[in-house]
Amino acid sequence: MSYINSPAVIGAGLMGKAISKHYSNQGHEVVLIEENLSQIEIASSELAQQKITISDDLNLLRDRDFIIEAVFEDLTAKKLVLKQISDFAKDDALIATNTSSLLIKDLIGAVTIPSRFIGVHYNNPADFNPIVEIIRDEQTDSGAAKGIAEWVEKSGKYPVLCSDTPCFILNRQSLPFINEAARCLNFASPGEIDFVAKQKVGVKLGPFKVMNLVGLDVIKSASRNLEILGEGYASSVDLQKMSETHWAIDTVTEVNREVSTEIIKRLRGAMLYPGKDILDRKLCSEKDLDKICKLALGYEKSSSEWLQLLDKSIIDQLINSFLSFQSDLS
């Protein structure tokens, strides 16, 4: 029996629309709440073929058994929305946040019944990406967490139970790689970096293509939130200063050998460092990290596999080099 029968999504942005579409594709009659009228018009057009009721009326939440907020990654904004949800949700409804980088413990105070609150992080694009991170606070009912994991798995996704740490697991693994790619701009172009990343490092999408797909504002915000972890997790200054909405990615078919070697070294170190950190701290299982790297991030080999394949001396050299490149935070 399905754990969830009547889901609702708050926020008709990129993530909210994709999450709603996923639920609709699973046969649910979905409610999508959005206060911005222009966003409602856009969502109504894009989701016209789906079983989704799009409205600004919070009263539609009163009969929903699962409500997930998917508004912008801002602590104040999310807490305000969660409080509004609590005012309309029934007592036995499960309230979730799709935050990708904020801590669940920092959000849980905004809901009326903490035991019914949980992090359910869908990854972009939510209707296709198979990984869903599930994060419970110590106040979250363990049965609710188990039920959500089972429901997520039945929907064709792969649930990853992870600790309530900054950016959880997926972004903790991926953002150092993204930011290191941006630091490589002082000697290579976006097209050259993406070319080497795909052809030599072994990722399906280059880091600049990924940033354009996810959205620079989202990447910037998550990167700033990750900096609290300290060494190895600094955001690129070039990324934070980027004023355009998309990187201009030049078409490249060949890269100078010296430049290519440097990009490989830096990106490989940026892949290994967070992977080792995640496993050393036991933030998730090795199996789950492997799934995140391959299914969500498109790595040919996961960071955990590289940590097993490479000699310790090479791993240490790559990680130490990666950390040294961050000294100027450029």
Protein backbone atom coordinates (compact mmCIF):
# COMPACT_ATOMS: atom_id res chain seq x y z
CA MET A 1 0.00 0.00 0.00
CA SER A 2 1.32 3.44 -0.91
CA TYR A 3 2.48 5.52 2.02
CA ILE A 4 1.37 8.73 0.28
CA ASN A 5 -1.94 9.17 -1.54
CA SER A 6 -2.44 12.93 -1.87
CA PRO A 7 0.79 14.92 -2.34
CA ALA A 8 1.08 18.69 -2.58
CA VAL A 9 4.03 20.81 -3.70
CA ILE A 10 4.71 24.42 -2.69
CA GLY A 11 6.53 26.54 -5.26
CA ALA A 12 6.11 26.37 -9.05
CA GLY A 13 9.72 27.01 -9.92
CA LEU A 14 11.94 24.56 -11.79
CA MET A 15 12.09 22.02 -8.96
CA GLY A 16 8.48 22.36 -7.86
CA LYS A 17 7.18 21.75 -11.38
CA ALA A 18 9.44 18.74 -11.89
CA ILE A 19 8.50 17.19 -8.53
CA SER A 20 4.80 17.73 -9.29
CA LYS A 21 5.24 16.13 -12.70
CA HIS A 22 6.94 13.12 -11.14
CA TYR A 23 4.09 12.62 -8.65
CA SER A 24 1.52 13.02 -11.42
CA ASN A 25 3.33 10.45 -13.54
CA GLN A 26 3.02 8.05 -10.61
CA GLY A 27 -0.76 8.36 -10.79
CA HIS A 28 -1.30 10.91 -8.00
CA GLU A 29 -3.67 13.86 -8.26
CA VAL A 30 -1.26 16.61 -7.28
CA VAL A 31 -1.83 20.08 -5.83
CA LEU A 32 0.80 22.67 -6.75
CA ILE A 33 0.65 25.93 -4.77
CA GLU A 34 2.27 29.12 -6.05
CA GLU A 35 1.61 32.73 -4.98
CA ASN A 36 3.11 34.39 -8.06
CA LEU A 37 0.42 34.67 -10.74
CA SER A 38 2.87 34.75 -13.65
CA GLN A 39 4.48 31.56 -12.36
CA ILE A 40 1.04 29.98 -12.14
CA GLU A 41 0.42 30.83 -15.79
CA ILE A 42 3.76 29.36 -16.85
CA ALA A 43 3.25 26.20 -14.80
CA SER A 44 -0.32 25.80 -16.08
CA SER A 45 0.95 25.90 -19.65
CA GLU A 46 3.92 23.57 -19.09
CA LEU A 47 1.96 21.03 -17.00
CA ALA A 48 -1.29 21.14 -18.97
CA GLN A 49 -1.19 17.41 -19.74
CA GLN A 50 -0.66 16.39 -16.09
CA LYS A 51 -3.16 15.69 -13.28
CA ILE A 52 -2.05 18.75 -11.35
CA THR A 53 -4.21 21.42 -9.74
CA ILE A 54 -2.24 24.68 -9.77
CA SER A 55 -3.44 27.42 -7.45
CA ASP A 56 -2.50 30.11 -4.93
CA ASP A 57 -5.12 28.83 -2.44
CA LEU A 58 -3.47 27.33 0.65
CA ASN A 59 -6.82 25.88 1.72
CA LEU A 60 -6.20 23.13 -0.83
CA LEU A 61 -3.58 21.76 1.56
CA ARG A 62 -6.13 20.81 4.22
CA ASP A 63 -6.79 17.31 2.82
CA ARG A 64 -3.25 16.52 1.68
CA ASP A 65 -1.28 13.79 3.47
CA PHE A 66 2.16 14.89 2.14
CA ILE A 67 3.26 18.47 1.52
CA ILE A 68 6.73 19.32 0.23
CA GLU A 69 8.07 22.87 -0.10
CA ALA A 70 10.32 23.58 -3.05
CA VAL A 71 10.95 27.32 -2.86
CA PHE A 72 14.29 29.12 -3.29
CA GLU A 73 17.26 28.11 -1.10
CA ASP A 74 16.86 30.85 1.47
CA LEU A 75 16.46 30.04 5.18
CA THR A 76 14.07 32.89 5.95
CA ALA A 77 11.88 32.22 2.91
CA LYS A 78 11.67 28.50 3.60
CA LYS A 79 10.82 29.00 7.29
CA LEU A 80 8.02 31.39 6.35
CA VAL A 81 6.57 28.91 3.85
CA LEU A 82 6.83 26.01 6.31
CA LYS A 83 4.96 28.03 8.92
CA GLN A 84 2.22 28.76 6.39
CA ILE A 85 2.00 25.07 5.53
CA SER A 86 1.66 24.18 9.22
CA ASP A 87 -1.26 26.59 9.55
CA PHE A 88 -3.23 24.71 6.90
CA ALA A 89 -1.99 21.10 7.07
CA LYS A 90 -3.89 18.45 8.99
CA ASP A 91 -2.17 17.07 12.08
CA ASP A 92 -1.25 13.73 10.53
CA ALA A 93 0.12 15.21 7.31
CA LEU A 94 3.82 14.76 6.65
CA ILE A 95 5.59 18.03 5.85
CA ALA A 96 8.85 17.91 3.89
CA THR A 97 11.45 20.30 2.56
CA ASN A 98 13.28 19.84 -0.70
CA THR A 99 16.23 21.90 0.50
CA SER A 100 19.52 20.93 -1.09
CA SER A 101 21.85 22.71 1.31
CA LEU A 102 20.10 24.01 4.44
CA LEU A 103 20.06 21.95 7.62
CA ILE A 104 16.84 20.22 8.64
CA LYS A 105 17.49 21.19 12.26
CA ASP A 106 17.46 24.85 11.22
CA LEU A 107 14.07 24.50 9.53
CA ILE A 108 12.19 22.18 11.87
CA GLY A 109 11.30 24.94 14.33
CA ALA A 110 9.02 26.50 11.70
CA VAL A 111 6.55 23.59 11.73
CA THR A 112 3.92 22.94 14.39
CA ILE A 113 4.50 19.18 14.74
CA PRO A 114 8.26 18.46 14.46
CA SER A 115 7.77 14.68 14.44
CA ARG A 116 6.00 15.04 11.08
CA PHE A 117 8.82 17.00 9.40
CA ILE A 118 11.54 15.53 7.17
CA GLY A 119 13.97 16.44 4.42
CA VAL A 120 13.16 14.85 1.04
CA HIS A 121 15.68 16.21 -1.44
CA TYR A 122 14.90 15.53 -5.09
CA ASN A 123 17.75 16.31 -7.43
CA ASN A 124 17.52 18.31 -10.62
CA PRO A 125 15.83 17.39 -12.93
CA ALA A 126 13.49 15.92 -10.33
CA ASP A 127 11.26 14.04 -12.75
CA PHE A 128 14.26 12.17 -14.23
CA ASN A 129 17.07 12.13 -11.64
CA PRO A 130 16.81 8.82 -9.76
CA ILE A 131 18.40 9.91 -6.47
CA VAL A 132 16.31 11.21 -3.55
CA GLU A 133 18.09 12.09 -0.31
CA ILE A 134 16.04 11.52 2.85
CA ILE A 135 17.15 13.41 5.94
CA ARG A 136 15.51 13.11 9.32
CA ASP A 137 16.01 15.28 12.36
CA GLU A 138 16.26 13.66 15.78
CA GLN A 139 12.67 14.84 16.35
CA THR A 140 11.38 13.21 13.14
CA ASP A 141 9.33 10.06 13.67
CA SER A 142 11.43 7.09 12.53
CA GLY A 143 8.36 5.40 11.07
CA ALA A 144 7.69 8.41 8.88
CA ALA A 145 11.24 8.31 7.55
CA LYS A 146 10.96 4.59 6.78
CA GLY A 147 7.58 5.07 5.11
CA ILE A 148 8.86 7.90 2.91
CA ALA A 149 11.88 5.82 1.86
CA GLU A 150 9.60 2.95 0.85
CA TRP A 151 7.27 5.28 -1.05
CA VAL A 152 10.19 6.93 -2.87
CA GLU A 153 11.55 3.53 -3.89
CA LYS A 154 8.16 2.39 -5.18
CA SER A 155 8.06 5.49 -7.37
CA GLY A 156 11.17 4.29 -9.20
CA LYS A 157 13.68 6.46 -7.34
CA TYR A 158 16.66 5.39 -5.25
CA PRO A 159 16.33 6.67 -1.66
CA VAL A 160 19.52 7.60 0.18
CA LEU A 161 19.31 7.97 3.95
CA CYS A 162 21.87 10.55 4.98
CA SER A 163 22.92 12.63 7.95
CA ASP A 164 21.75 16.19 8.52
CA THR A 165 24.97 17.84 7.41
CA PRO A 166 25.51 20.91 5.19
CA CYS A 167 24.44 20.09 1.61
CA PHE A 168 23.86 16.45 2.66
CA ILE A 169 25.72 13.96 0.44
CA LEU A 170 25.12 14.75 -3.23
CA ASN A 171 26.06 18.43 -3.09
CA ARG A 172 28.85 17.74 -0.62
CA GLN A 173 30.32 15.40 -3.23
CA SER A 174 29.59 17.50 -6.32
CA LEU A 175 30.14 21.14 -5.33
CA PRO A 176 33.91 20.97 -4.73
CA PHE A 177 34.19 19.53 -8.26
CA ILE A 178 32.00 22.34 -9.65
CA ASN A 179 33.91 25.06 -7.81
CA GLU A 180 37.29 23.66 -8.80
CA ALA A 181 36.19 23.74 -12.43
CA ALA A 182 35.43 27.44 -11.99
CA ARG A 183 38.90 27.99 -10.48
CA CYS A 184 40.41 26.45 -13.60
CA LEU A 185 39.12 29.42 -15.60
CA ASN A 186 42.39 31.24 -14.88
CA PHE A 187 44.10 28.98 -17.45
CA ALA A 188 41.33 27.31 -19.50
CA SER A 189 37.96 28.13 -21.06
CA PRO A 190 34.59 26.62 -20.01
CA GLY A 191 34.54 24.58 -23.21
CA GLU A 192 38.05 23.22 -22.62
CA ILE A 193 37.24 22.31 -19.02
CA ASP A 194 33.98 20.58 -19.97
CA PHE A 195 35.72 18.72 -22.81
CA VAL A 196 38.46 17.36 -20.53
CA ALA A 197 35.97 16.56 -17.77
CA LYS A 198 33.94 14.40 -20.15
CA GLN A 199 36.74 12.85 -22.20
CA LYS A 200 39.43 12.37 -19.56
CA VAL A 201 37.94 12.64 -16.05
CA GLY A 202 34.87 10.56 -16.87
CA VAL A 203 31.66 12.52 -16.33
CA LYS A 204 28.61 12.53 -18.59
CA LEU A 205 28.12 16.30 -18.40
CA GLY A 206 30.83 18.90 -18.04
CA PRO A 207 30.69 21.07 -14.88
CA PHE A 208 29.75 24.26 -16.77
CA LYS A 209 26.95 22.43 -18.58
CA VAL A 210 25.76 21.19 -15.18
CA MET A 211 25.81 24.72 -13.73
CA ASN A 212 23.76 26.01 -16.65
CA LEU A 213 21.28 23.17 -16.25
CA VAL A 214 20.81 23.52 -12.49
CA GLY A 215 20.96 27.33 -12.47
CA LEU A 216 23.80 29.55 -11.33
CA ASP A 217 21.79 31.13 -8.52
CA VAL A 218 21.12 27.69 -7.03
CA ILE A 219 24.77 26.64 -7.40
CA LYS A 220 26.04 29.88 -5.86
CA SER A 221 23.70 29.65 -2.88
CA ALA A 222 24.48 25.99 -2.18
CA SER A 223 28.22 26.67 -2.50
CA ARG A 224 28.03 29.46 0.06
CA ASN A 225 26.11 27.21 2.45
CA LEU A 226 28.74 24.49 2.06
CA GLU A 227 31.59 26.77 3.12
CA ILE A 228 30.75 26.20 6.77
CA LEU A 229 32.50 22.82 6.42
CA GLY A 230 35.84 24.60 6.09
CA GLU A 231 38.89 23.24 4.28
CA GLY A 232 38.13 21.81 0.86
CA TYR A 233 34.67 23.32 0.60
CA ALA A 234 35.33 26.94 -0.37
CA SER A 235 33.30 28.45 -3.15
CA SER A 236 35.00 29.85 -6.24
CA VAL A 237 35.25 33.63 -6.29
CA ASP A 238 34.83 33.59 -10.08
CA LEU A 239 31.60 31.63 -9.67
CA GLN A 240 30.23 33.97 -7.01
CA LYS A 241 31.10 37.03 -9.11
CA MET A 242 29.46 35.62 -12.24
CA SER A 243 26.74 38.14 -13.17
CA GLU A 244 25.29 36.34 -16.20
CA THR A 245 22.62 33.66 -15.85
CA HIS A 246 24.55 31.12 -17.95
CA TRP A 247 28.15 30.33 -18.81
CA ALA A 248 29.03 30.77 -22.47
CA ILE A 249 30.53 27.38 -23.33
CA ASP A 250 32.81 27.42 -26.36
CA THR A 251 32.93 24.45 -28.73
CA VAL A 252 36.16 22.49 -28.24
CA THR A 253 37.47 19.40 -30.03
CA GLU A 254 41.03 19.36 -28.67
CA VAL A 255 42.87 20.68 -25.63
CA ASN A 256 46.57 21.39 -25.16
CA ARG A 257 48.21 18.44 -23.37
CA GLU A 258 49.66 20.55 -20.55
CA VAL A 259 46.34 22.28 -19.94
CA SER A 260 44.49 18.96 -20.10
CA THR A 261 46.82 17.36 -17.56
CA GLU A 262 46.32 20.24 -15.12
CA ILE A 263 42.54 20.10 -15.45
CA ILE A 264 42.52 16.33 -14.88
CA LYS A 265 44.68 16.64 -11.78
CA ARG A 266 42.58 19.36 -10.25
CA LEU A 267 39.19 17.85 -11.01
CA ARG A 268 40.24 14.39 -9.87
CA GLY A 269 41.41 15.81 -6.55
CA ALA A 270 38.12 17.69 -6.21
CA MET A 271 36.29 14.41 -6.76
CA LEU A 272 38.38 12.38 -4.30
CA TYR A 273 38.50 14.84 -1.41
CA PRO A 274 34.77 15.02 -0.58
CA GLY A 275 34.31 11.31 -1.28
CA LYS A 276 36.98 10.39 1.25
CA ASP A 277 35.58 12.91 3.72
CA ILE A 278 32.05 11.50 3.39
CA LEU A 279 33.20 7.92 3.92
CA ASP A 280 35.61 8.77 6.74
CA ARG A 281 32.80 10.54 8.60
CA LYS A 282 30.34 7.71 7.81
CA LEU A 283 27.77 10.19 6.50
CA CYS A 284 26.25 7.54 4.24
CA SER A 285 27.08 4.01 3.11
CA GLU A 286 29.69 3.31 0.44
CA LYS A 287 26.95 1.75 -1.69
CA ASP A 288 24.83 4.90 -1.48
CA LEU A 289 27.77 7.15 -2.33
CA ASP A 290 28.49 4.95 -5.34
CA LYS A 291 24.86 5.26 -6.48
CA ILE A 292 24.90 9.05 -6.03
CA CYS A 293 28.08 9.43 -8.05
CA LYS A 294 26.91 7.24 -10.92
CA LEU A 295 23.16 7.77 -11.07
CA ALA A 296 22.88 11.44 -10.08
CA LEU A 297 26.25 12.95 -10.98
CA GLY A 298 27.03 10.86 -14.05
CA TYR A 299 30.50 9.73 -12.95
CA GLU A 300 31.80 6.72 -14.88
CA LYS A 301 33.54 5.63 -11.69
CA SER A 302 32.43 6.84 -8.28
CA SER A 303 34.74 8.62 -5.87
CA SER A 304 34.64 5.51 -3.68
CA GLU A 305 35.82 3.36 -6.61
CA TRP A 306 38.69 5.75 -7.37
CA LEU A 307 39.69 5.65 -3.70
CA GLN A 308 39.98 1.86 -4.01
CA LEU A 309 41.69 1.81 -7.41
CA LEU A 310 44.41 4.42 -6.86
CA ASP A 311 47.50 3.98 -4.69
CA LYS A 312 47.36 5.87 -1.40
CA SER A 313 50.36 7.97 -2.42
CA ILE A 314 48.57 9.15 -5.57
CA ILE A 315 45.36 9.86 -3.63
CA ASP A 316 47.30 11.90 -1.07
CA GLN A 317 49.09 13.81 -3.80
CA LEU A 318 45.86 14.65 -5.65
CA ILE A 319 44.04 15.69 -2.49
CA ASN A 320 46.94 17.79 -1.20
CA SER A 321 47.21 19.52 -4.58
CA PHE A 322 43.47 20.16 -4.60
CA LEU A 323 43.63 21.75 -1.15
CA SER A 324 46.61 23.89 -2.08
CA PHE A 325 44.73 25.32 -5.10
CA GLN A 326 42.11 26.74 -2.74
CA SER A 327 44.54 28.85 -0.76
CA ASP A 328 43.80 31.92 -2.91
CA LEU A 329 40.06 31.03 -3.08
CA SER A 330 40.06 32.04 -6.74
